[in-house]
C-alpha atoms as a PDB file:
ATOM      1  CA  MET A   1      72.386  25.087  79.165  1.00  0.00           C
ATOM      2  CA  GLN A   2      71.470  21.030  79.645  1.00  0.00           C
ATOM      3  CA  GLU A   3      68.148  22.205  79.037  1.00  0.00           C
ATOM      4  CA  HIS A   4      68.558  23.380  75.608  1.00  0.00           C
ATOM      5  CA  LEU A   5      70.380  20.004  74.458  1.00  0.00           C
ATOM      6  CA  TRP A   6      67.847  17.606  73.010  1.00  0.00           C
ATOM      7  CA  VAL A   7      69.770  14.677  74.914  1.00  0.00           C
ATOM      8  CA  GLU A   8      68.931  15.910  78.188  1.00  0.00           C
ATOM      9  CA  LYS A   9      65.272  17.170  77.382  1.00  0.00           C
ATOM     10  CA  TYR A  10      63.953  13.841  76.082  1.00  0.00           C
ATOM     11  CA  ARG A  11      66.043  11.757  78.400  1.00  0.00           C
ATOM     12  CA  PRO A  12      63.789   9.132  79.322  1.00  0.00           C
ATOM     13  CA  SER A  13      63.097   8.813  83.012  1.00  0.00           C
ATOM     14  CA  THR A  14      61.871   5.409  83.100  1.00  0.00           C
ATOM     15  CA  LEU A  15      63.062   1.863  81.962  1.00  0.00           C
ATOM     16  CA  GLN A  16      59.537   1.586  80.129  1.00  0.00           C
ATOM     17  CA  ASP A  17      60.633   4.376  77.733  1.00  0.00           C
ATOM     18  CA  ILE A  18      64.316   3.535  77.287  1.00  0.00           C
ATOM     19  CA  ILE A  19      64.972   1.676  74.007  1.00  0.00           C
ATOM     20  CA  LEU A  20      67.138  -1.458  75.193  1.00  0.00           C
ATOM     21  CA  PRO A  21      67.023  -4.994  73.831  1.00  0.00           C
ATOM     22  CA  SER A  22      63.874  -7.118  75.253  1.00  0.00           C
ATOM     23  CA  GLN A  23      65.869  -9.276  77.678  1.00  0.00           C
ATOM     24  CA  LEU A  24      68.172  -6.484  79.105  1.00  0.00           C
ATOM     25  CA  LYS A  25      64.889  -4.370  79.899  1.00  0.00           C
ATOM     26  CA  LYS A  26      63.198  -7.433  81.505  1.00  0.00           C
ATOM     27  CA  ASP A  27      66.448  -7.715  83.580  1.00  0.00           C
ATOM     28  CA  PHE A  28      66.172  -4.104  84.792  1.00  0.00           C
ATOM     29  CA  GLU A  29      62.350  -4.327  85.254  1.00  0.00           C
ATOM     30  CA  LEU A  30      62.993  -7.693  87.769  1.00  0.00           C
ATOM     31  CA  ILE A  31      65.576  -5.231  89.755  1.00  0.00           C
ATOM     32  CA  VAL A  32      62.540  -2.568  90.506  1.00  0.00           C
ATOM     33  CA  LYS A  33      60.034  -5.718  90.885  1.00  0.00           C
ATOM     34  CA  GLN A  34      62.677  -7.052  93.674  1.00  0.00           C
ATOM     35  CA  ARG A  35      64.026  -3.505  94.636  1.00  0.00           C
ATOM     36  CA  GLU A  36      67.257  -5.168  95.246  1.00  0.00           C
ATOM     37  CA  LEU A  37      70.040  -2.987  93.754  1.00  0.00           C
ATOM     38  CA  GLN A  38      73.520  -4.520  93.599  1.00  0.00           C
ATOM     39  CA  ASN A  39      76.909  -3.004  92.540  1.00  0.00           C
ATOM     40  CA  MET A  40      77.097  -2.735  89.066  1.00  0.00           C
ATOM     41  CA  LEU A  41      79.211  -2.877  86.168  1.00  0.00           C
ATOM     42  CA  LEU A  42      77.316  -1.320  82.683  1.00  0.00           C
ATOM     43  CA  THR A  43      79.554  -2.005  79.610  1.00  0.00           C
ATOM     44  CA  GLY A  44      78.839  -1.055  76.056  1.00  0.00           C
ATOM     45  CA  THR A  45      79.493   1.248  73.094  1.00  0.00           C
ATOM     46  CA  ALA A  46      78.848   4.867  73.588  1.00  0.00           C
ATOM     47  CA  GLY A  47      75.319   6.529  73.386  1.00  0.00           C
ATOM     48  CA  THR A  48      73.632   3.243  74.251  1.00  0.00           C
ATOM     49  CA  GLY A  49      71.941   4.379  77.384  1.00  0.00           C
ATOM     50  CA  LYS A  50      73.743   3.205  80.315  1.00  0.00           C
ATOM     51  CA  THR A  51      73.929   6.328  82.431  1.00  0.00           C
ATOM     52  CA  THR A  52      69.757   6.736  81.360  1.00  0.00           C
ATOM     53  CA  VAL A  53      69.420   3.369  82.932  1.00  0.00           C
ATOM     54  CA  ALA A  54      71.357   3.951  85.618  1.00  0.00           C
ATOM     55  CA  LYS A  55      69.626   7.160  86.649  1.00  0.00           C
ATOM     56  CA  ALA A  56      65.748   5.285  85.953  1.00  0.00           C
ATOM     57  CA  LEU A  57      66.648   3.012  88.078  1.00  0.00           C
ATOM     58  CA  CYS A  58      67.501   5.404  91.354  1.00  0.00           C
ATOM     59  CA  LYS A  59      64.631   7.371  90.380  1.00  0.00           C
ATOM     60  CA  MET A  60      62.270   4.464  90.397  1.00  0.00           C
ATOM     61  CA  LEU A  61      63.937   2.634  93.495  1.00  0.00           C
ATOM     62  CA  ASN A  62      63.402   6.147  94.751  1.00  0.00           C
ATOM     63  CA  LEU A  63      66.977   6.321  95.963  1.00  0.00           C
ATOM     64  CA  ASP A  64      69.167   9.169  96.523  1.00  0.00           C
ATOM     65  CA  TYR A  65      72.062   9.259  93.870  1.00  0.00           C
ATOM     66  CA  ILE A  66      75.316  11.376  92.873  1.00  0.00           C
ATOM     67  CA  ILE A  67      76.637  11.227  89.431  1.00  0.00           C
ATOM     68  CA  ILE A  68      80.331  11.349  89.077  1.00  0.00           C
ATOM     69  CA  ASN A  69      82.048  11.603  85.688  1.00  0.00           C
ATOM     70  CA  GLY A  70      85.499   9.770  85.752  1.00  0.00           C
ATOM     71  CA  SER A  71      86.606  11.809  82.581  1.00  0.00           C
ATOM     72  CA  GLU A  72      86.600  14.794  84.639  1.00  0.00           C
ATOM     73  CA  GLU A  73      86.661  14.224  88.367  1.00  0.00           C
ATOM     74  CA  SER A  74      89.584  11.406  88.211  1.00  0.00           C
ATOM     75  CA  GLY A  75      91.710  12.012  90.929  1.00  0.00           C
ATOM     76  CA  ILE A  76      91.475   9.628  94.269  1.00  0.00           C
ATOM     77  CA  ASP A  77      91.395  12.886  96.761  1.00  0.00           C
ATOM     78  CA  THR A  78      88.520  14.158  94.435  1.00  0.00           C
ATOM     79  CA  LEU A  79      86.475  10.643  94.505  1.00  0.00           C
ATOM     80  CA  ARG A  80      87.097  10.026  98.072  1.00  0.00           C
ATOM     81  CA  ASN A  81      85.433  13.605  99.085  1.00  0.00           C
ATOM     82  CA  LYS A  82      82.778  13.210  97.059  1.00  0.00           C
ATOM     83  CA  ILE A  83      82.036  10.087  97.904  1.00  0.00           C
ATOM     84  CA  LYS A  84      82.590  10.291 101.615  1.00  0.00           C
ATOM     85  CA  GLN A  85      80.467  13.301 101.663  1.00  0.00           C
ATOM     86  CA  PHE A  86      77.753  11.512  99.848  1.00  0.00           C
ATOM     87  CA  ALA A  87      77.675   8.694 101.987  1.00  0.00           C
ATOM     88  CA  SER A  88      78.373   9.758 105.226  1.00  0.00           C
ATOM     89  CA  SER A  89      74.613  11.349 105.573  1.00  0.00           C
ATOM     90  CA  VAL A  90      71.645   9.314 105.900  1.00  0.00           C
ATOM     91  CA  SER A  91      69.010   8.820 102.804  1.00  0.00           C
ATOM     92  CA  LEU A  92      66.121  11.100 103.154  1.00  0.00           C
ATOM     93  CA  GLU A  93      64.149   8.341 101.787  1.00  0.00           C
ATOM     94  CA  GLY A  94      65.578   5.924 104.090  1.00  0.00           C
ATOM     95  CA  GLY A  95      67.024   3.480 101.532  1.00  0.00           C
ATOM     96  CA  TYR A  96      70.677   2.837  99.839  1.00  0.00           C
ATOM     97  CA  LYS A  97      72.429   5.914  98.325  1.00  0.00           C
ATOM     98  CA  VAL A  98      73.708   5.027  95.056  1.00  0.00           C
ATOM     99  CA  VAL A  99      77.060   6.471  93.140  1.00  0.00           C
ATOM    100  CA  ILE A 100      76.744   6.424  89.692  1.00  0.00           C
ATOM    101  CA  LEU A 101      80.299   6.356  87.984  1.00  0.00           C
ATOM    102  CA  ASP A 102      80.179   7.245  84.734  1.00  0.00           C
ATOM    103  CA  GLU A 103      83.039   6.823  82.138  1.00  0.00           C
ATOM    104  CA  ALA A 104      84.813   4.639  84.860  1.00  0.00           C
ATOM    105  CA  ASP A 105      87.134   3.446  82.204  1.00  0.00           C
ATOM    106  CA  TYR A 106      89.006   6.833  82.291  1.00  0.00           C
ATOM    107  CA  LEU A 107      89.845   6.464  85.524  1.00  0.00           C
ATOM    108  CA  ASN A 108      93.734   5.404  86.319  1.00  0.00           C
ATOM    109  CA  PRO A 109      93.983   1.515  86.450  1.00  0.00           C
ATOM    110  CA  GLN A 110      97.293   1.597  88.771  1.00  0.00           C
ATOM    111  CA  SER A 111      95.805   4.410  91.437  1.00  0.00           C
ATOM    112  CA  THR A 112      92.441   5.364  91.229  1.00  0.00           C
ATOM    113  CA  GLN A 113      90.797   2.213  90.400  1.00  0.00           C
ATOM    114  CA  PRO A 114      92.415   0.630  93.210  1.00  0.00           C
ATOM    115  CA  ALA A 115      91.249   3.180  95.877  1.00  0.00           C
ATOM    116  CA  LEU A 116      87.770   2.708  94.417  1.00  0.00           C
ATOM    117  CA  ARG A 117      87.681  -0.746  95.486  1.00  0.00           C
ATOM    118  CA  GLY A 118      88.613   0.333  98.892  1.00  0.00           C
ATOM    119  CA  PHE A 119      85.748   2.933  98.372  1.00  0.00           C
ATOM    120  CA  ILE A 120      83.216   0.188  97.503  1.00  0.00           C
ATOM    121  CA  GLU A 121      83.893  -1.724 100.676  1.00  0.00           C
ATOM    122  CA  GLU A 122      84.146   1.403 103.254  1.00  0.00           C
ATOM    123  CA  PHE A 123      80.799   2.363 102.004  1.00  0.00           C
ATOM    124  CA  SER A 124      79.061  -1.120 101.502  1.00  0.00           C
ATOM    125  CA  ALA A 125      76.555  -0.597 104.409  1.00  0.00           C
ATOM    126  CA  ASN A 126      75.147   2.592 102.805  1.00  0.00           C
ATOM    127  CA  CYS A 127      75.877   2.926  99.158  1.00  0.00           C
ATOM    128  CA  ARG A 128      75.801   1.162  96.054  1.00  0.00           C
ATOM    129  CA  PHE A 129      77.916   2.011  93.375  1.00  0.00           C
ATOM    130  CA  ILE A 130      76.795   1.841  89.464  1.00  0.00           C
ATOM    131  CA  LEU A 131      79.883   2.004  87.305  1.00  0.00           C
ATOM    132  CA  THR A 132      79.551   2.902  83.453  1.00  0.00           C
ATOM    133  CA  CYS A 133      82.357   2.012  80.281  1.00  0.00           C
ATOM    134  CA  ASN A 134      82.640   1.681  77.186  1.00  0.00           C
ATOM    135  CA  PHE A 135      85.380  -1.074  77.465  1.00  0.00           C
ATOM    136  CA  LYS A 136      85.246  -3.509  80.208  1.00  0.00           C
ATOM    137  CA  ASN A 137      88.662  -4.655  79.713  1.00  0.00           C
ATOM    138  CA  ARG A 138      90.047  -0.997  80.863  1.00  0.00           C
ATOM    139  CA  ILE A 139      88.406  -1.749  84.066  1.00  0.00           C
ATOM    140  CA  ILE A 140      90.467  -3.675  86.910  1.00  0.00           C
ATOM    141  CA  GLU A 141      89.414  -7.193  87.784  1.00  0.00           C
ATOM    142  CA  PRO A 142      88.812  -6.528  91.440  1.00  0.00           C
ATOM    143  CA  LEU A 143      86.314  -3.793  90.153  1.00  0.00           C
ATOM    144  CA  HIS A 144      84.376  -6.746  88.351  1.00  0.00           C
ATOM    145  CA  SER A 145      84.609  -9.075  90.812  1.00  0.00           C
ATOM    146  CA  ARG A 146      82.426  -6.699  93.014  1.00  0.00           C
ATOM    147  CA  CYS A 147      79.971  -5.788  90.331  1.00  0.00           C
ATOM    148  CA  SER A 148      77.384  -7.410  88.611  1.00  0.00           C
ATOM    149  CA  VAL A 149      78.671  -6.849  85.307  1.00  0.00           C
ATOM    150  CA  VAL A 150      75.889  -6.064  82.622  1.00  0.00           C
ATOM    151  CA  GLU A 151      76.685  -6.172  78.668  1.00  0.00           C
ATOM    152  CA  PHE A 152      74.574  -3.369  76.531  1.00  0.00           C
ATOM    153  CA  ALA A 153      75.015  -5.720  73.350  1.00  0.00           C
ATOM    154  CA  ILE A 154      72.435  -5.913  70.897  1.00  0.00           C
ATOM    155  CA  PRO A 155      71.258  -9.405  70.309  1.00  0.00           C
ATOM    156  CA  LYS A 156      71.411 -10.843  66.356  1.00  0.00           C
ATOM    157  CA  GLY A 157      67.773 -10.101  65.308  1.00  0.00           C
ATOM    158  CA  GLN A 158      67.016  -6.910  67.382  1.00  0.00           C
ATOM    159  CA  LYS A 159      68.725  -4.354  65.592  1.00  0.00           C
ATOM    160  CA  GLN A 160      65.687  -3.549  63.098  1.00  0.00           C
ATOM    161  CA  VAL A 161      63.222  -3.645  66.070  1.00  0.00           C
ATOM    162  CA  MET A 162      65.217  -1.111  68.064  1.00  0.00           C
ATOM    163  CA  ALA A 163      65.726   1.267  65.141  1.00  0.00           C
ATOM    164  CA  ALA A 164      62.401   1.519  64.387  1.00  0.00           C
ATOM    165  CA  LYS A 165      61.645   2.202  67.916  1.00  0.00           C
ATOM    166  CA  MET A 166      64.272   5.030  67.312  1.00  0.00           C
ATOM    167  CA  MET A 167      62.421   6.016  64.478  1.00  0.00           C
ATOM    168  CA  GLU A 168      59.294   6.587  66.340  1.00  0.00           C
ATOM    169  CA  ARG A 169      60.881   8.814  69.284  1.00  0.00           C
ATOM    170  CA  LEU A 170      62.847  10.791  66.825  1.00  0.00           C
ATOM    171  CA  GLY A 171      60.054  11.543  64.730  1.00  0.00           C
ATOM    172  CA  TYR A 172      58.434  12.819  68.202  1.00  0.00           C
ATOM    173  CA  ILE A 173      61.299  14.828  68.975  1.00  0.00           C
ATOM    174  CA  LEU A 174      61.358  16.675  65.513  1.00  0.00           C
ATOM    175  CA  THR A 175      57.508  17.216  65.700  1.00  0.00           C
ATOM    176  CA  ASN A 176      57.887  18.821  69.076  1.00  0.00           C
ATOM    177  CA  GLU A 177      60.627  20.885  67.959  1.00  0.00           C
ATOM    178  CA  GLY A 178      59.010  22.165  64.828  1.00  0.00           C
ATOM    179  CA  VAL A 179      61.512  20.669  62.666  1.00  0.00           C
ATOM    180  CA  SER A 180      60.201  18.834  59.117  1.00  0.00           C
ATOM    181  CA  TYR A 181      61.872  15.656  58.359  1.00  0.00           C
ATOM    182  CA  GLU A 182      61.876  13.253  55.509  1.00  0.00           C
ATOM    183  CA  GLU A 183      61.518   9.649  56.942  1.00  0.00           C
ATOM    184  CA  PRO A 184      63.986   8.067  54.366  1.00  0.00           C
ATOM    185  CA  VAL A 185      66.547  10.346  55.472  1.00  0.00           C
ATOM    186  CA  LEU A 186      65.885   9.948  59.039  1.00  0.00           C
ATOM    187  CA  ALA A 187      66.147   6.236  58.782  1.00  0.00           C
ATOM    188  CA  GLU A 188      69.876   6.517  56.862  1.00  0.00           C
ATOM    189  CA  LEU A 189      70.769   8.841  59.756  1.00  0.00           C
ATOM    190  CA  ILE A 190      69.829   6.309  62.300  1.00  0.00           C
ATOM    191  CA  MET A 191      71.454   3.401  60.533  1.00  0.00           C
ATOM    192  CA  LYS A 192      74.777   5.539  60.338  1.00  0.00           C
ATOM    193  CA  TYR A 193      75.283   5.743  64.375  1.00  0.00           C
ATOM    194  CA  PHE A 194      73.585   3.178  65.474  1.00  0.00           C
ATOM    195  CA  PRO A 195      73.437   1.981  68.165  1.00  0.00           C
ATOM    196  CA  ASP A 196      74.808   5.420  69.346  1.00  0.00           C
ATOM    197  CA  PHE A 197      71.365   7.141  69.841  1.00  0.00           C
ATOM    198  CA  ARG A 198      72.958  10.141  71.616  1.00  0.00           C
ATOM    199  CA  ARG A 199      75.196  10.743  68.567  1.00  0.00           C
ATOM    200  CA  THR A 200      71.690  10.241  66.464  1.00  0.00           C
ATOM    201  CA  ILE A 201      70.198  12.827  68.579  1.00  0.00           C
ATOM    202  CA  ASN A 202      72.805  15.268  68.826  1.00  0.00           C
ATOM    203  CA  GLU A 203      73.099  15.440  65.104  1.00  0.00           C
ATOM    204  CA  LEU A 204      69.718  15.857  64.263  1.00  0.00           C
ATOM    205  CA  GLN A 205      69.677  18.842  66.657  1.00  0.00           C
ATOM    206  CA  ARG A 206      72.532  20.409  65.179  1.00  0.00           C
ATOM    207  CA  TYR A 207      70.933  19.883  61.535  1.00  0.00           C
ATOM    208  CA  GLY A 208      67.863  21.062  62.644  1.00  0.00           C
ATOM    209  CA  VAL A 209      68.599  24.467  63.353  1.00  0.00           C
ATOM    210  CA  SER A 210      67.270  25.164  59.646  1.00  0.00           C
ATOM    211  CA  GLY A 211      64.074  23.546  60.313  1.00  0.00           C
ATOM    212  CA  LYS A 212      64.501  20.401  58.299  1.00  0.00           C
ATOM    213  CA  ILE A 213      65.835  17.294  58.164  1.00  0.00           C
ATOM    214  CA  ASP A 214      66.133  16.318  54.313  1.00  0.00           C
ATOM    215  CA  SER A 215      68.904  14.671  51.962  1.00  0.00           C
ATOM    216  CA  GLY A 216      70.850  17.847  52.322  1.00  0.00           C
ATOM    217  CA  ILE A 217      72.405  16.516  55.422  1.00  0.00           C
ATOM    218  CA  LEU A 218      73.967  13.364  54.298  1.00  0.00           C
ATOM    219  CA  ILE A 219      77.255  13.114  53.318  1.00  0.00           C
ATOM    220  CA  ASN A 220      78.374   9.968  51.674  1.00  0.00           C
ATOM    221  CA  VAL A 221      81.992   9.076  52.368  1.00  0.00           C
ATOM    222  CA  ASN A 222      82.238   7.573  49.155  1.00  0.00           C
ATOM    223  CA  ASP A 223      81.917  11.142  47.849  1.00  0.00           C
ATOM    224  CA  VAL A 224      84.765  12.069  49.477  1.00  0.00           C
ATOM    225  CA  SER A 225      88.195  12.361  47.708  1.00  0.00           C
ATOM    226  CA  VAL A 226      90.548  10.199  50.019  1.00  0.00           C
ATOM    227  CA  GLY A 227      92.989  10.731  46.991  1.00  0.00           C
ATOM    228  CA  HIS A 228      93.320  14.063  47.901  1.00  0.00           C
ATOM    229  CA  LEU A 229      94.365  13.641  51.517  1.00  0.00           C
ATOM    230  CA  MET A 230      96.651  10.561  50.539  1.00  0.00           C
ATOM    231  CA  ASN A 231      98.552  13.042  48.446  1.00  0.00           C
ATOM    232  CA  HIS A 232      98.543  15.371  51.241  1.00  0.00           C
ATOM    233  CA  LEU A 233     100.270  12.600  53.705  1.00  0.00           C
ATOM    234  CA  LYS A 234     102.567  11.603  51.044  1.00  0.00           C
ATOM    235  CA  VAL A 235     103.918  15.236  50.556  1.00  0.00           C
ATOM    236  CA  LYS A 236     103.900  15.770  54.281  1.00  0.00           C
ATOM    237  CA  ASP A 237     101.812  18.522  53.703  1.00  0.00           C
ATOM    238  CA  PHE A 238     100.403  18.920  57.296  1.00  0.00           C
ATOM    239  CA  ARG A 239      98.525  22.398  57.051  1.00  0.00           C
ATOM    240  CA  LYS A 240      96.329  20.707  54.078  1.00  0.00           C
ATOM    241  CA  MET A 241      95.734  17.449  55.935  1.00  0.00           C
ATOM    242  CA  ARG A 242      94.609  19.630  58.590  1.00  0.00           C
ATOM    243  CA  GLN A 243      92.254  21.495  56.346  1.00  0.00           C
ATOM    244  CA  TRP A 244      91.128  18.258  54.850  1.00  0.00           C
ATOM    245  CA  VAL A 245      90.083  16.726  58.076  1.00  0.00           C
ATOM    246  CA  ALA A 246      88.044  20.204  59.181  1.00  0.00           C
ATOM    247  CA  ASP A 247      86.391  19.987  55.861  1.00  0.00           C
ATOM    248  CA  ASN A 248      85.267  16.494  56.283  1.00  0.00           C
ATOM    249  CA  ILE A 249      84.711  16.401  59.981  1.00  0.00           C
ATOM    250  CA  ASP A 250      80.903  15.548  59.503  1.00  0.00           C
ATOM    251  CA  ILE A 251      81.767  12.122  58.183  1.00  0.00           C
ATOM    252  CA  GLU A 252      81.766   9.196  61.018  1.00  0.00           C
ATOM    253  CA  PRO A 253      85.390   8.734  61.684  1.00  0.00           C
ATOM    254  CA  ALA A 254      84.879   4.523  61.362  1.00  0.00           C
ATOM    255  CA  ALA A 255      83.748   4.992  58.110  1.00  0.00           C
ATOM    256  CA  MET A 256      86.903   7.380  57.178  1.00  0.00           C
ATOM    257  CA  PHE A 257      88.803   4.697  58.843  1.00  0.00           C
ATOM    258  CA  ARG A 258      87.376   2.160  56.641  1.00  0.00           C
ATOM    259  CA  LYS A 259      87.797   4.426  53.315  1.00  0.00           C
ATOM    260  CA  ILE A 260      91.591   4.950  54.061  1.00  0.00           C
ATOM    261  CA  TYR A 261      91.868   1.116  54.436  1.00  0.00           C
ATOM    262  CA  ASP A 262      89.904  -0.038  51.464  1.00  0.00           C
ATOM    263  CA  SER A 263      92.204   2.885  49.206  1.00  0.00           C
ATOM    264  CA  SER A 264      95.379   1.564  50.757  1.00  0.00           C
ATOM    265  CA  THR A 265      96.630  -0.700  48.173  1.00  0.00           C
ATOM    266  CA  GLU A 266      96.228   1.995  45.448  1.00  0.00           C
ATOM    267  CA  TYR A 267      98.420   4.645  47.308  1.00  0.00           C
ATOM    268  CA  ILE A 268     100.439   2.750  50.234  1.00  0.00           C
ATOM    269  CA  ASP A 269     103.444   0.712  49.684  1.00  0.00           C
ATOM    270  CA  PRO A 270     103.065  -2.907  49.689  1.00  0.00           C
ATOM    271  CA  GLN A 271     105.398  -3.220  52.644  1.00  0.00           C
ATOM    272  CA  SER A 272     103.990  -0.262  54.620  1.00  0.00           C
ATOM    273  CA  ILE A 273     100.210  -1.527  54.541  1.00  0.00           C
ATOM    274  CA  PRO A 274     100.412  -3.460  57.806  1.00  0.00           C
ATOM    275  CA  GLN A 275     101.819  -0.728  59.659  1.00  0.00           C
ATOM    276  CA  LEU A 276      98.648   1.703  58.003  1.00  0.00           C
ATOM    277  CA  ILE A 277      96.720  -1.010  59.250  1.00  0.00           C
ATOM    278  CA  LEU A 278      98.133  -1.133  62.940  1.00  0.00           C
ATOM    279  CA  ILE A 279      97.736   2.585  62.875  1.00  0.00           C
ATOM    280  CA  LEU A 280      94.325   2.690  61.664  1.00  0.00           C
ATOM    281  CA  ALA A 281      93.179   0.119  64.428  1.00  0.00           C
ATOM    282  CA  ASP A 282      94.600   1.923  66.990  1.00  0.00           C
ATOM    283  CA  TYR A 283      93.254   5.356  66.617  1.00  0.00           C
ATOM    284  CA  GLN A 284      89.778   3.659  65.679  1.00  0.00           C
ATOM    285  CA  TYR A 285      89.615   1.972  69.033  1.00  0.00           C
ATOM    286  CA  LYS A 286      90.951   5.434  70.642  1.00  0.00           C
ATOM    287  CA  ASP A 287      87.995   7.390  68.756  1.00  0.00           C
ATOM    288  CA  SER A 288      85.698   5.239  70.862  1.00  0.00           C
ATOM    289  CA  PHE A 289      86.357   7.533  74.244  1.00  0.00           C
ATOM    290  CA  VAL A 290      88.416  10.507  73.161  1.00  0.00           C
ATOM    291  CA  ALA A 291      86.582  13.870  73.647  1.00  0.00           C
ATOM    292  CA  ASP A 292      87.917  15.682  70.544  1.00  0.00           C
ATOM    293  CA  HIS A 293      87.198  13.334  67.489  1.00  0.00           C
ATOM    294  CA  GLU A 294      88.759  15.919  64.874  1.00  0.00           C
ATOM    295  CA  LEU A 295      92.335  15.904  67.171  1.00  0.00           C
ATOM    296  CA  ASN A 296      92.129  12.026  67.426  1.00  0.00           C
ATOM    297  CA  MET A 297      91.699  11.810  63.628  1.00  0.00           C
ATOM    298  CA  VAL A 298      94.683  14.545  62.319  1.00  0.00           C
ATOM    299  CA  ALA A 299      96.691  12.377  65.336  1.00  0.00           C
ATOM    300  CA  CYS A 300      96.039   9.201  63.304  1.00  0.00           C
ATOM    301  CA  LEU A 301      97.245  11.088  59.882  1.00  0.00           C
ATOM    302  CA  THR A 302     100.019  12.538  61.223  1.00  0.00           C
ATOM    303  CA  GLU A 303     101.674   8.877  62.268  1.00  0.00           C
ATOM    304  CA  ILE A 304     100.459   7.649  59.026  1.00  0.00           C
ATOM    305  CA  MET A 305     102.295  10.774  57.504  1.00  0.00           C
ATOM    306  CA  ALA A 306     105.495   9.948  59.474  1.00  0.00           C
ATOM    307  CA  GLY A 307     105.922   6.227  59.545  1.00  0.00           C
ATOM    308  CA  VAL A 308     103.887   5.021  56.048  1.00  0.00           C
ATOM    309  CA  GLN A 309     105.501   4.712  52.878  1.00  0.00           C
ATOM    310  CA  PHE A 310     103.736   5.951  49.781  1.00  0.00           C
ATOM    311  CA  LYS A 311     103.722   4.636  46.149  1.00  0.00           C
END
């Protein structure tokens, strides 16, 4: 199945091919040059290359590695058994073994994360750990202190450079897949989802089934009638609200949260606007790491429906 996903098919295997801020790439290249891999915590927004970098480092250093997804395998016993089984054998390459713990911020900070700290210490002679997360504040301090924390942040002035490189990369992918495209549309899609390159590639694959990427795929959030949504919420019509979300699921959630906020003075009782803002902020934060964005949006609108007064 993964072979059919463009995001896997075209995942870079070397640092040279990964689109990163220039200084960040130099830092990782230095690790390869010095052949010194420390425990690391790679943190940043979704789709910016954290897991890809972790894999590339292992391949370029010729290190055995295992990937454990923290959102799917979060139990203490599961982690212990997988890590112990992997760490107890000798590396075929004679070096360290590496445990890549993806989405580590999904691990329970009260139980699983403290246990992970123990695993890192227990297997320190044979293993290095690379943790990835979207939110470093969800990782307990003892794990921070045992890792070199690397921020996947995009410095001011590098957004256009990285977007241009992504434009070139996506053009290659589309051409290789036999999909025609309009450059202005591709550029708009890149900027719409930037810096989430994974999301951009997934959206292109989804739209590319028609054989072309043109202006027909772009949905401008300004064209969406938020007024209809607000009326559904006001009369507490859950069925129509849910259908509205389903009909507009292609819209970037962050843009929709913003659109609701911008229209608040028109539809919401002034005394309820602070409550609306708190709800929107809470669910926009959650949207960065939830598995089901549609469900998250429905939950947000349900809370607005129940707790906010309309004009």
